[in-house]
Amino acid sequence: MPINVRTAPQTFGEWLQQLLDAHKTKPIKFAELCKISRSTISRYLSGDRIPNAQKQDMIIEGLCSISDMERAEVEQKVLWHCHISQRRRQV
């Protein structure tokens, strides 16, 4: 299921929340799929934190399990949205 492109790039948390909503997956269930704590997922969704490389890999695995996207597409989108979030923090 493609995610609509918006004029302003989404942060990682915004994008992840939209994807979870689209797949009717609760953050608690997603945290279990990724093997990441609920509080950490909550912090990603709120924009308080951006996942490091290790957590990104875990999130990629979780997203592949709930979506019909290819792994390469998921990797690209995770990296892109983490990059956008990082750039917004620097401004």
N, C-alpha and C. Protein backbone atom coordinates (compact mmCIF):
# COMPACT_ATOMS: atom_id res chain seq x y z
N MET A 1 0.85 -1.17 0.00
CA MET A 1 0.00 0.00 0.00
C MET A 1 0.90 1.24 0.00
N PRO A 2 0.88 2.03 -1.05
CA PRO A 2 1.73 3.21 -1.11
C PRO A 2 1.27 4.29 -0.13
N ILE A 3 2.22 5.01 0.37
CA ILE A 3 1.93 6.12 1.26
C ILE A 3 1.94 7.40 0.42
N ASN A 4 0.90 8.21 0.57
CA ASN A 4 0.78 9.44 -0.21
C ASN A 4 1.94 10.37 0.10
N VAL A 5 2.43 11.04 -0.93
CA VAL A 5 3.51 12.01 -0.77
C VAL A 5 2.89 13.35 -0.44
N ARG A 6 3.43 13.99 0.59
CA ARG A 6 2.95 15.32 0.98
C ARG A 6 3.96 16.35 0.52
N THR A 7 3.54 17.60 0.45
CA THR A 7 4.44 18.64 -0.01
C THR A 7 5.61 18.85 0.94
N ALA A 8 5.37 18.85 2.23
CA ALA A 8 6.45 18.95 3.21
C ALA A 8 6.84 17.54 3.62
N PRO A 9 8.14 17.21 3.56
CA PRO A 9 8.55 15.86 3.93
C PRO A 9 8.18 15.54 5.38
N GLN A 10 7.74 14.33 5.59
CA GLN A 10 7.35 13.89 6.92
C GLN A 10 8.57 13.50 7.74
N THR A 11 8.46 13.69 9.04
CA THR A 11 9.49 13.17 9.93
C THR A 11 9.32 11.66 10.03
N PHE A 12 10.28 11.00 10.62
CA PHE A 12 10.19 9.56 10.79
C PHE A 12 8.95 9.19 11.60
N GLY A 13 8.72 9.88 12.71
CA GLY A 13 7.57 9.57 13.56
C GLY A 13 6.24 9.76 12.85
N GLU A 14 6.10 10.84 12.08
CA GLU A 14 4.87 11.09 11.33
C GLU A 14 4.63 9.98 10.31
N TRP A 15 5.68 9.64 9.60
CA TRP A 15 5.58 8.60 8.58
C TRP A 15 5.24 7.24 9.19
N LEU A 16 5.92 6.90 10.29
CA LEU A 16 5.67 5.62 10.94
C LEU A 16 4.24 5.55 11.45
N GLN A 17 3.75 6.62 12.06
CA GLN A 17 2.37 6.63 12.56
C GLN A 17 1.38 6.46 11.41
N GLN A 18 1.62 7.12 10.30
CA GLN A 18 0.74 6.99 9.14
C GLN A 18 0.74 5.55 8.62
N LEU A 19 1.90 4.94 8.60
CA LEU A 19 2.00 3.56 8.12
C LEU A 19 1.31 2.59 9.08
N LEU A 20 1.51 2.77 10.38
CA LEU A 20 0.83 1.92 11.36
C LEU A 20 -0.68 2.08 11.25
N ASP A 21 -1.15 3.31 11.09
CA ASP A 21 -2.59 3.55 10.93
C ASP A 21 -3.12 2.87 9.68
N ALA A 22 -2.39 2.98 8.59
CA ALA A 22 -2.82 2.39 7.32
C ALA A 22 -2.95 0.87 7.41
N HIS A 23 -2.12 0.26 8.26
CA HIS A 23 -2.13 -1.20 8.41
C HIS A 23 -2.85 -1.63 9.68
N LYS A 24 -3.54 -0.67 10.32
CA LYS A 24 -4.32 -0.95 11.53
C LYS A 24 -3.51 -1.72 12.57
N THR A 25 -2.29 -1.24 12.77
CA THR A 25 -1.38 -1.86 13.74
C THR A 25 -1.15 -0.88 14.89
N LYS A 26 -1.41 -1.33 16.09
CA LYS A 26 -1.20 -0.50 17.28
C LYS A 26 0.30 -0.43 17.59
N PRO A 27 0.75 0.70 18.10
CA PRO A 27 2.17 0.83 18.46
C PRO A 27 2.67 -0.27 19.39
N ILE A 28 1.82 -0.72 20.30
CA ILE A 28 2.23 -1.79 21.23
C ILE A 28 2.53 -3.08 20.47
N LYS A 29 1.67 -3.43 19.53
CA LYS A 29 1.88 -4.63 18.72
C LYS A 29 3.13 -4.47 17.85
N PHE A 30 3.32 -3.27 17.29
CA PHE A 30 4.49 -3.02 16.46
C PHE A 30 5.77 -3.14 17.28
N ALA A 31 5.75 -2.64 18.51
CA ALA A 31 6.91 -2.75 19.39
C ALA A 31 7.27 -4.22 19.61
N GLU A 32 6.25 -5.06 19.81
CA GLU A 32 6.49 -6.49 20.00
C GLU A 32 7.09 -7.12 18.74
N LEU A 33 6.56 -6.75 17.57
CA LEU A 33 7.08 -7.29 16.30
C LEU A 33 8.55 -6.92 16.10
N CYS A 34 8.88 -5.69 16.49
CA CYS A 34 10.25 -5.19 16.28
C CYS A 34 11.22 -5.61 17.38
N LYS A 35 10.66 -6.07 18.51
CA LYS A 35 11.47 -6.37 19.68
C LYS A 35 12.16 -5.12 20.21
N ILE A 36 11.38 -4.02 20.21
CA ILE A 36 11.81 -2.73 20.74
C ILE A 36 10.80 -2.35 21.82
N SER A 37 11.26 -1.71 22.88
CA SER A 37 10.35 -1.37 23.97
C SER A 37 9.24 -0.43 23.50
N ARG A 38 8.11 -0.53 24.19
CA ARG A 38 6.96 0.34 23.87
C ARG A 38 7.33 1.80 24.03
N SER A 39 8.08 2.11 25.08
CA SER A 39 8.44 3.50 25.33
C SER A 39 9.33 4.06 24.22
N THR A 40 10.21 3.23 23.69
CA THR A 40 11.08 3.68 22.60
C THR A 40 10.26 3.94 21.34
N ILE A 41 9.34 3.05 21.01
CA ILE A 41 8.47 3.28 19.85
C ILE A 41 7.66 4.56 20.06
N SER A 42 7.16 4.77 21.26
CA SER A 42 6.40 5.98 21.57
C SER A 42 7.25 7.23 21.35
N ARG A 43 8.50 7.17 21.73
CA ARG A 43 9.40 8.32 21.55
C ARG A 43 9.69 8.57 20.08
N TYR A 44 9.77 7.51 19.28
CA TYR A 44 9.94 7.69 17.83
C TYR A 44 8.71 8.36 17.24
N LEU A 45 7.53 7.89 17.64
CA LEU A 45 6.28 8.42 17.10
C LEU A 45 6.08 9.89 17.49
N SER A 46 6.50 10.26 18.67
CA SER A 46 6.33 11.64 19.13
C SER A 46 7.42 12.57 18.58
N GLY A 47 8.46 12.00 18.01
CA GLY A 47 9.55 12.80 17.48
C GLY A 47 10.64 13.12 18.48
N ASP A 48 10.53 12.55 19.68
CA ASP A 48 11.56 12.78 20.70
C ASP A 48 12.89 12.14 20.34
N ARG A 49 12.83 11.03 19.62
CA ARG A 49 14.04 10.29 19.26
C ARG A 49 13.98 9.86 17.80
N ILE A 50 15.15 9.60 17.26
CA ILE A 50 15.29 9.06 15.91
C ILE A 50 16.05 7.74 16.06
N PRO A 51 15.57 6.65 15.44
CA PRO A 51 16.25 5.37 15.63
C PRO A 51 17.67 5.35 15.09
N ASN A 52 18.56 4.69 15.85
CA ASN A 52 19.93 4.49 15.36
C ASN A 52 19.93 3.34 14.35
N ALA A 53 21.07 3.03 13.79
CA ALA A 53 21.16 2.02 12.72
C ALA A 53 20.64 0.65 13.17
N GLN A 54 20.98 0.25 14.38
CA GLN A 54 20.54 -1.06 14.89
C GLN A 54 19.01 -1.10 15.01
N LYS A 55 18.44 -0.05 15.57
CA LYS A 55 16.98 0.01 15.74
C LYS A 55 16.29 0.14 14.38
N GLN A 56 16.93 0.85 13.45
CA GLN A 56 16.35 0.95 12.10
C GLN A 56 16.19 -0.43 11.49
N ASP A 57 17.19 -1.28 11.64
CA ASP A 57 17.10 -2.65 11.11
C ASP A 57 15.95 -3.42 11.74
N MET A 58 15.76 -3.23 13.04
CA MET A 58 14.67 -3.91 13.74
C MET A 58 13.31 -3.39 13.26
N ILE A 59 13.24 -2.09 13.02
CA ILE A 59 12.01 -1.48 12.52
C ILE A 59 11.72 -1.96 11.10
N ILE A 60 12.75 -2.06 10.29
CA ILE A 60 12.59 -2.56 8.91
C ILE A 60 11.97 -3.95 8.93
N GLU A 61 12.48 -4.81 9.81
CA GLU A 61 11.92 -6.17 9.92
C GLU A 61 10.45 -6.12 10.31
N GLY A 62 10.12 -5.27 11.28
CA GLY A 62 8.73 -5.14 11.71
C GLY A 62 7.83 -4.63 10.61
N LEU A 63 8.31 -3.62 9.88
CA LEU A 63 7.50 -3.07 8.79
C LEU A 63 7.31 -4.07 7.65
N CYS A 64 8.33 -4.85 7.37
CA CYS A 64 8.19 -5.89 6.33
C CYS A 64 7.12 -6.91 6.72
N SER A 65 6.98 -7.15 8.02
CA SER A 65 6.01 -8.16 8.46
C SER A 65 4.57 -7.65 8.42
N ILE A 66 4.35 -6.32 8.43
CA ILE A 66 2.98 -5.81 8.40
C ILE A 66 2.57 -5.25 7.04
N SER A 67 3.53 -5.03 6.16
CA SER A 67 3.20 -4.39 4.88
C SER A 67 3.54 -5.31 3.72
N ASP A 68 3.10 -4.90 2.54
CA ASP A 68 3.41 -5.66 1.33
C ASP A 68 4.57 -5.04 0.56
N MET A 69 5.27 -4.10 1.19
CA MET A 69 6.42 -3.47 0.55
C MET A 69 7.61 -4.42 0.53
N GLU A 70 8.42 -4.30 -0.50
CA GLU A 70 9.68 -5.05 -0.58
C GLU A 70 10.65 -4.48 0.44
N ARG A 71 11.56 -5.34 0.92
CA ARG A 71 12.52 -4.91 1.94
C ARG A 71 13.33 -3.69 1.48
N ALA A 72 13.76 -3.68 0.24
CA ALA A 72 14.56 -2.55 -0.26
C ALA A 72 13.78 -1.25 -0.19
N GLU A 73 12.50 -1.30 -0.49
CA GLU A 73 11.65 -0.11 -0.43
C GLU A 73 11.49 0.36 1.02
N VAL A 74 11.29 -0.59 1.93
CA VAL A 74 11.16 -0.25 3.34
C VAL A 74 12.46 0.38 3.85
N GLU A 75 13.60 -0.22 3.50
CA GLU A 75 14.90 0.33 3.92
C GLU A 75 15.06 1.76 3.44
N GLN A 76 14.75 1.98 2.18
CA GLN A 76 14.90 3.31 1.60
C GLN A 76 14.02 4.33 2.33
N LYS A 77 12.78 3.97 2.60
CA LYS A 77 11.85 4.89 3.27
C LYS A 77 12.26 5.16 4.71
N VAL A 78 12.71 4.14 5.43
CA VAL A 78 13.16 4.33 6.81
C VAL A 78 14.37 5.27 6.83
N LEU A 79 15.34 5.01 5.97
CA LEU A 79 16.54 5.86 5.94
C LEU A 79 16.18 7.30 5.57
N TRP A 80 15.30 7.47 4.57
CA TRP A 80 14.91 8.80 4.14
C TRP A 80 14.24 9.57 5.27
N HIS A 81 13.26 8.96 5.93
CA HIS A 81 12.53 9.67 6.97
C HIS A 81 13.39 9.93 8.21
N CYS A 82 14.33 9.04 8.50
CA CYS A 82 15.28 9.32 9.60
C CYS A 82 16.16 10.50 9.24
N HIS A 83 16.57 10.56 7.99
CA HIS A 83 17.40 11.67 7.51
C HIS A 83 16.64 13.00 7.62
N ILE A 84 15.39 13.02 7.19
CA ILE A 84 14.56 14.22 7.27
C ILE A 84 14.43 14.67 8.73
N SER A 85 14.18 13.71 9.62
CA SER A 85 14.04 14.04 11.05
C SER A 85 15.32 14.63 11.60
N GLN A 86 16.44 14.05 11.22
CA GLN A 86 17.73 14.55 11.69
C GLN A 86 17.99 15.97 11.20
N ARG A 87 17.67 16.23 9.94
CA ARG A 87 17.88 17.57 9.37
C ARG A 87 16.99 18.60 10.07
N ARG A 88 15.76 18.22 10.40
CA ARG A 88 14.86 19.16 11.08
C ARG A 88 15.38 19.49 12.48
N ARG A 89 16.03 18.54 13.12
CA ARG A 89 16.57 18.79 14.47
C ARG A 89 17.74 19.78 14.40
N GLN A 90 18.46 19.80 13.30
CA GLN A 90 19.63 20.65 13.18
C GLN A 90 19.25 22.10 12.88
N VAL A 91 18.03 22.32 12.43
CA VAL A 91 17.60 23.67 12.07
C VAL A 91 17.24 24.48 13.27
